[in-house]
Amino acid sequence: MARYLALLGSINVGGNRLSMADLRDALEREEFEGVETVVASGNVLFDHEDRPAEGLAEKIAWIVADRFDIRSAVVVLDRAALAAAIAENPFSGVGEDKFVHTHFLTCQPTEAQFAALMADHAGRGGEKLASGTRALHIDFGDGVAGSKLTGAFMDKRLGCSGTARNMRSLRRILAKMEGADGA
């Protein structure tokens, strides 16, 4: 069994209310083991037979849509991929952890799509952006609340959906994963 992290987008925001206990129960019924949620915002640790992350993400997205009628972007990472995403973020350790995010994507946008996002974002706000591996790294500077750099704005230009987490949350989740597998 391998340990994974599923990041679900749009959970417990915008009317998509979902009890983490109900989510855990639904996943356990579908052969996910050791299911544990971290905060009530769609962060799920679980054990599963070793499989490609994309297949697991599709399975979880189907379960959430089927059981709860919620369409959610789902990204699945193993411990190494999560650690790599944290290390890859050029703003990590530079900006405040609560304002530095990684927007995990369901696909890898092209360089042209990243360039279009950068061009369309120019003049909209003070956020700093950097492309990554199936991710967009963002330093929101003074905060996320007033930003015009929304998920919908990014998803439209990048050609795929995603879900963001700040560095503080990602480090907390990584520590839980490392504690679980002894790494």
C-alpha atoms as a PDB file:
ATOM      1  CA  MET A   1       0.000   0.000   0.000  1.00  0.00           C
ATOM      2  CA  ALA A   2       1.177   3.496  -0.803  1.00  0.00           C
ATOM      3  CA  ARG A   3       0.295   6.693   1.105  1.00  0.00           C
ATOM      4  CA  TYR A   4      -1.265   9.524  -0.905  1.00  0.00           C
ATOM      5  CA  LEU A   5      -2.679  13.002  -0.502  1.00  0.00           C
ATOM      6  CA  ALA A   6      -5.815  14.064  -2.357  1.00  0.00           C
ATOM      7  CA  LEU A   7      -6.463  17.785  -2.682  1.00  0.00           C
ATOM      8  CA  LEU A   8     -10.103  18.493  -3.516  1.00  0.00           C
ATOM      9  CA  GLY A   9     -11.055  21.888  -4.888  1.00  0.00           C
ATOM     10  CA  SER A  10     -14.136  23.882  -3.934  1.00  0.00           C
ATOM     11  CA  ILE A  11     -14.944  21.898  -0.806  1.00  0.00           C
ATOM     12  CA  ASN A  12     -16.719  23.777   1.991  1.00  0.00           C
ATOM     13  CA  VAL A  13     -16.718  27.010   0.004  1.00  0.00           C
ATOM     14  CA  GLY A  14     -19.331  28.495  -2.292  1.00  0.00           C
ATOM     15  CA  GLY A  15     -22.133  26.266  -1.095  1.00  0.00           C
ATOM     16  CA  ASN A  16     -20.278  22.961  -1.613  1.00  0.00           C
ATOM     17  CA  ARG A  17     -20.669  21.788   1.975  1.00  0.00           C
ATOM     18  CA  LEU A  18     -19.298  18.340   2.685  1.00  0.00           C
ATOM     19  CA  SER A  19     -18.758  16.713   6.048  1.00  0.00           C
ATOM     20  CA  MET A  20     -15.266  15.279   6.286  1.00  0.00           C
ATOM     21  CA  ALA A  21     -16.737  12.271   8.137  1.00  0.00           C
ATOM     22  CA  ASP A  22     -19.047  11.619   5.160  1.00  0.00           C
ATOM     23  CA  LEU A  23     -16.137  11.989   2.743  1.00  0.00           C
ATOM     24  CA  ARG A  24     -13.985   9.572   4.766  1.00  0.00           C
ATOM     25  CA  ASP A  25     -16.850   7.060   4.866  1.00  0.00           C
ATOM     26  CA  ALA A  26     -17.428   7.286   1.098  1.00  0.00           C
ATOM     27  CA  LEU A  27     -13.751   6.727   0.338  1.00  0.00           C
ATOM     28  CA  GLU A  28     -13.445   3.831   2.784  1.00  0.00           C
ATOM     29  CA  ARG A  29     -16.376   2.118   1.029  1.00  0.00           C
ATOM     30  CA  GLU A  30     -14.391   2.303  -2.235  1.00  0.00           C
ATOM     31  CA  GLU A  31     -11.209   0.517  -1.087  1.00  0.00           C
ATOM     32  CA  PHE A  32      -9.333   3.524   0.280  1.00  0.00           C
ATOM     33  CA  GLU A  33      -7.670   2.698   3.590  1.00  0.00           C
ATOM     34  CA  GLY A  34      -6.253   4.760   6.445  1.00  0.00           C
ATOM     35  CA  VAL A  35      -8.387   7.693   5.341  1.00  0.00           C
ATOM     36  CA  GLU A  36      -7.648  10.845   7.323  1.00  0.00           C
ATOM     37  CA  THR A  37      -8.745  14.413   6.609  1.00  0.00           C
ATOM     38  CA  VAL A  38      -6.582  17.404   7.445  1.00  0.00           C
ATOM     39  CA  VAL A  39      -8.635  20.532   8.142  1.00  0.00           C
ATOM     40  CA  ALA A  40     -12.178  20.669   6.710  1.00  0.00           C
ATOM     41  CA  SER A  41     -11.203  21.913   3.276  1.00  0.00           C
ATOM     42  CA  GLY A  42     -10.683  18.837   1.145  1.00  0.00           C
ATOM     43  CA  ASN A  43      -7.248  17.563   2.189  1.00  0.00           C
ATOM     44  CA  VAL A  44      -7.386  13.767   2.418  1.00  0.00           C
ATOM     45  CA  LEU A  45      -4.576  11.380   3.312  1.00  0.00           C
ATOM     46  CA  PHE A  46      -5.148   7.745   2.389  1.00  0.00           C
ATOM     47  CA  ASP A  47      -3.528   4.424   1.607  1.00  0.00           C
ATOM     48  CA  HIS A  48      -4.248   2.618  -1.635  1.00  0.00           C
ATOM     49  CA  GLU A  49      -2.695   0.017  -3.874  1.00  0.00           C
ATOM     50  CA  ASP A  50       0.123   1.663  -5.783  1.00  0.00           C
ATOM     51  CA  ARG A  51      -1.469   3.243  -8.893  1.00  0.00           C
ATOM     52  CA  PRO A  52      -0.951   6.278 -11.090  1.00  0.00           C
ATOM     53  CA  ALA A  53      -2.067   9.421  -9.259  1.00  0.00           C
ATOM     54  CA  GLU A  54      -4.262  10.505 -12.184  1.00  0.00           C
ATOM     55  CA  GLY A  55      -6.357   7.336 -11.920  1.00  0.00           C
ATOM     56  CA  LEU A  56      -6.832   7.845  -8.200  1.00  0.00           C
ATOM     57  CA  ALA A  57      -7.798  11.495  -8.771  1.00  0.00           C
ATOM     58  CA  GLU A  58     -10.423  10.436 -11.332  1.00  0.00           C
ATOM     59  CA  LYS A  59     -11.794   7.825  -8.936  1.00  0.00           C
ATOM     60  CA  ILE A  60     -12.104  10.326  -6.079  1.00  0.00           C
ATOM     61  CA  ALA A  61     -13.688  12.965  -8.338  1.00  0.00           C
ATOM     62  CA  TRP A  62     -16.236  10.361  -9.476  1.00  0.00           C
ATOM     63  CA  ILE A  63     -17.031   9.359  -5.865  1.00  0.00           C
ATOM     64  CA  VAL A  64     -17.523  12.985  -4.792  1.00  0.00           C
ATOM     65  CA  ALA A  65     -19.748  13.721  -7.807  1.00  0.00           C
ATOM     66  CA  ASP A  66     -21.738  10.496  -7.465  1.00  0.00           C
ATOM     67  CA  ARG A  67     -22.258  10.533  -3.687  1.00  0.00           C
ATOM     68  CA  PHE A  68     -22.429  14.258  -2.959  1.00  0.00           C
ATOM     69  CA  ASP A  69     -23.305  15.889  -6.306  1.00  0.00           C
ATOM     70  CA  ILE A  70     -20.193  18.090  -6.088  1.00  0.00           C
ATOM     71  CA  ARG A  71     -17.950  18.615  -9.108  1.00  0.00           C
ATOM     72  CA  SER A  72     -14.456  19.050  -7.756  1.00  0.00           C
ATOM     73  CA  ALA A  73     -10.978  19.343  -9.196  1.00  0.00           C
ATOM     74  CA  VAL A  74      -8.966  16.563  -7.562  1.00  0.00           C
ATOM     75  CA  VAL A  75      -5.195  16.297  -7.523  1.00  0.00           C
ATOM     76  CA  VAL A  76      -3.464  13.285  -5.957  1.00  0.00           C
ATOM     77  CA  LEU A  77       0.170  13.341  -4.838  1.00  0.00           C
ATOM     78  CA  ASP A  78       2.453  10.950  -3.054  1.00  0.00           C
ATOM     79  CA  ARG A  79       4.855  12.193  -0.371  1.00  0.00           C
ATOM     80  CA  ALA A  80       7.724  12.705  -2.826  1.00  0.00           C
ATOM     81  CA  ALA A  81       5.561  14.737  -5.231  1.00  0.00           C
ATOM     82  CA  LEU A  82       4.274  16.931  -2.399  1.00  0.00           C
ATOM     83  CA  ALA A  83       7.816  17.546  -1.116  1.00  0.00           C
ATOM     84  CA  ALA A  84       8.927  18.376  -4.670  1.00  0.00           C
ATOM     85  CA  ALA A  85       6.063  20.871  -5.117  1.00  0.00           C
ATOM     86  CA  ILE A  86       7.008  22.635  -1.886  1.00  0.00           C
ATOM     87  CA  ALA A  87      10.682  22.737  -2.895  1.00  0.00           C
ATOM     88  CA  GLU A  88       9.809  23.925  -6.418  1.00  0.00           C
ATOM     89  CA  ASN A  89       7.878  26.991  -5.187  1.00  0.00           C
ATOM     90  CA  PRO A  90      10.309  29.918  -5.632  1.00  0.00           C
ATOM     91  CA  PHE A  91       8.389  32.057  -3.138  1.00  0.00           C
ATOM     92  CA  SER A  92       8.541  29.532  -0.297  1.00  0.00           C
ATOM     93  CA  GLY A  93      10.729  30.919   2.470  1.00  0.00           C
ATOM     94  CA  VAL A  94      10.683  34.364   0.841  1.00  0.00           C
ATOM     95  CA  GLY A  95       7.072  35.469   1.346  1.00  0.00           C
ATOM     96  CA  GLU A  96       4.799  34.776   4.320  1.00  0.00           C
ATOM     97  CA  ASP A  97       3.767  31.108   4.362  1.00  0.00           C
ATOM     98  CA  LYS A  98       0.080  31.990   4.668  1.00  0.00           C
ATOM     99  CA  PHE A  99       0.251  34.117   1.499  1.00  0.00           C
ATOM    100  CA  VAL A 100       2.496  31.849  -0.591  1.00  0.00           C
ATOM    101  CA  HIS A 101       0.421  29.222  -2.405  1.00  0.00           C
ATOM    102  CA  THR A 102       0.802  26.386  -4.838  1.00  0.00           C
ATOM    103  CA  HIS A 103      -2.179  26.074  -7.175  1.00  0.00           C
ATOM    104  CA  PHE A 104      -2.093  22.366  -8.070  1.00  0.00           C
ATOM    105  CA  LEU A 105      -3.414  21.649 -11.547  1.00  0.00           C
ATOM    106  CA  THR A 106      -5.178  18.658 -13.069  1.00  0.00           C
ATOM    107  CA  CYS A 107      -2.953  18.883 -16.165  1.00  0.00           C
ATOM    108  CA  GLN A 108       0.314  20.442 -17.296  1.00  0.00           C
ATOM    109  CA  PRO A 109      -0.368  23.689 -19.164  1.00  0.00           C
ATOM    110  CA  THR A 110       1.819  24.655 -22.084  1.00  0.00           C
ATOM    111  CA  GLU A 111       4.341  27.471 -21.914  1.00  0.00           C
ATOM    112  CA  ALA A 112       1.986  29.486 -24.153  1.00  0.00           C
ATOM    113  CA  GLN A 113      -0.870  29.023 -21.670  1.00  0.00           C
ATOM    114  CA  PHE A 114       1.342  30.177 -18.783  1.00  0.00           C
ATOM    115  CA  ALA A 115       2.440  33.162 -20.883  1.00  0.00           C
ATOM    116  CA  ALA A 116      -1.213  34.040 -21.617  1.00  0.00           C
ATOM    117  CA  LEU A 117      -1.999  33.932 -17.898  1.00  0.00           C
ATOM    118  CA  MET A 118       0.946  36.206 -17.124  1.00  0.00           C
ATOM    119  CA  ALA A 119      -0.044  38.658 -19.877  1.00  0.00           C
ATOM    120  CA  ASP A 120      -3.703  38.741 -18.840  1.00  0.00           C
ATOM    121  CA  HIS A 121      -2.745  39.179 -15.185  1.00  0.00           C
ATOM    122  CA  ALA A 122      -0.380  42.107 -15.857  1.00  0.00           C
ATOM    123  CA  GLY A 123      -1.732  45.196 -14.109  1.00  0.00           C
ATOM    124  CA  ARG A 124      -4.463  43.292 -12.229  1.00  0.00           C
ATOM    125  CA  GLY A 125      -2.579  42.957  -8.952  1.00  0.00           C
ATOM    126  CA  GLY A 126       0.706  42.661  -7.133  1.00  0.00           C
ATOM    127  CA  GLU A 127       0.839  38.881  -7.010  1.00  0.00           C
ATOM    128  CA  LYS A 128       4.025  37.179  -8.151  1.00  0.00           C
ATOM    129  CA  LEU A 129       3.559  34.089 -10.343  1.00  0.00           C
ATOM    130  CA  ALA A 130       5.826  31.254 -11.410  1.00  0.00           C
ATOM    131  CA  SER A 131       5.041  28.168 -13.453  1.00  0.00           C
ATOM    132  CA  GLY A 132       5.698  24.752 -12.005  1.00  0.00           C
ATOM    133  CA  THR A 133       5.202  21.058 -12.538  1.00  0.00           C
ATOM    134  CA  ARG A 134       1.414  20.723 -12.877  1.00  0.00           C
ATOM    135  CA  ALA A 135       1.259  23.792 -10.665  1.00  0.00           C
ATOM    136  CA  LEU A 136       1.226  27.544 -10.541  1.00  0.00           C
ATOM    137  CA  HIS A 137       3.172  29.080  -7.653  1.00  0.00           C
ATOM    138  CA  ILE A 138       1.803  32.332  -6.285  1.00  0.00           C
ATOM    139  CA  ASP A 139       2.934  34.879  -3.720  1.00  0.00           C
ATOM    140  CA  PHE A 140      -0.172  36.878  -2.843  1.00  0.00           C
ATOM    141  CA  GLY A 141       1.998  39.443  -1.050  1.00  0.00           C
ATOM    142  CA  ASP A 142      -0.473  41.210   1.198  1.00  0.00           C
ATOM    143  CA  GLY A 143      -3.211  38.592   1.184  1.00  0.00           C
ATOM    144  CA  VAL A 144      -5.571  36.455  -0.810  1.00  0.00           C
ATOM    145  CA  ALA A 145      -8.879  38.095   0.136  1.00  0.00           C
ATOM    146  CA  GLY A 146      -8.679  41.105  -2.184  1.00  0.00           C
ATOM    147  CA  SER A 147      -6.914  39.362  -5.062  1.00  0.00           C
ATOM    148  CA  LYS A 148      -8.387  39.391  -8.549  1.00  0.00           C
ATOM    149  CA  LEU A 149      -6.345  36.273  -9.328  1.00  0.00           C
ATOM    150  CA  THR A 150      -9.177  33.801  -8.866  1.00  0.00           C
ATOM    151  CA  GLY A 151      -9.322  30.100  -9.587  1.00  0.00           C
ATOM    152  CA  ALA A 152     -11.698  30.688 -12.497  1.00  0.00           C
ATOM    153  CA  PHE A 153      -9.365  33.326 -13.990  1.00  0.00           C
ATOM    154  CA  MET A 154      -6.399  30.950 -13.785  1.00  0.00           C
ATOM    155  CA  ASP A 155      -8.253  27.827 -14.901  1.00  0.00           C
ATOM    156  CA  LYS A 156      -9.624  29.523 -18.019  1.00  0.00           C
ATOM    157  CA  ARG A 157      -6.190  30.644 -19.171  1.00  0.00           C
ATOM    158  CA  LEU A 158      -4.327  27.482 -18.192  1.00  0.00           C
ATOM    159  CA  GLY A 159      -6.844  25.139 -19.792  1.00  0.00           C
ATOM    160  CA  CYS A 160      -7.383  23.008 -16.706  1.00  0.00           C
ATOM    161  CA  SER A 161      -8.741  23.272 -13.216  1.00  0.00           C
ATOM    162  CA  GLY A 162      -6.919  23.219  -9.949  1.00  0.00           C
ATOM    163  CA  THR A 163      -6.931  23.827  -6.239  1.00  0.00           C
ATOM    164  CA  ALA A 164      -4.577  25.929  -4.130  1.00  0.00           C
ATOM    165  CA  ARG A 165      -3.019  25.452  -0.697  1.00  0.00           C
ATOM    166  CA  ASN A 166      -0.714  27.757   1.221  1.00  0.00           C
ATOM    167  CA  MET A 167       2.772  26.757   2.349  1.00  0.00           C
ATOM    168  CA  ARG A 168       1.747  26.513   5.995  1.00  0.00           C
ATOM    169  CA  SER A 169      -0.918  23.904   5.132  1.00  0.00           C
ATOM    170  CA  LEU A 170       1.347  22.024   2.738  1.00  0.00           C
ATOM    171  CA  ARG A 171       4.145  21.746   5.293  1.00  0.00           C
ATOM    172  CA  ARG A 172       1.676  20.530   7.910  1.00  0.00           C
ATOM    173  CA  ILE A 173       0.327  17.885   5.532  1.00  0.00           C
ATOM    174  CA  LEU A 174       3.845  16.785   4.517  1.00  0.00           C
ATOM    175  CA  ALA A 175       4.802  16.385   8.187  1.00  0.00           C
ATOM    176  CA  LYS A 176       1.751  14.160   8.710  1.00  0.00           C
ATOM    177  CA  MET A 177       2.708  12.081   5.662  1.00  0.00           C
ATOM    178  CA  GLU A 178       6.312  11.737   6.814  1.00  0.00           C
ATOM    179  CA  GLY A 179       5.147  10.701  10.274  1.00  0.00           C
ATOM    180  CA  ALA A 180       2.877   8.049   8.772  1.00  0.00           C
ATOM    181  CA  ASP A 181       5.477   6.384   6.554  1.00  0.00           C
ATOM    182  CA  GLY A 182       8.562   6.994   8.676  1.00  0.00           C
ATOM    183  CA  ALA A 183      10.333   9.053   6.009  1.00  0.00           C
END
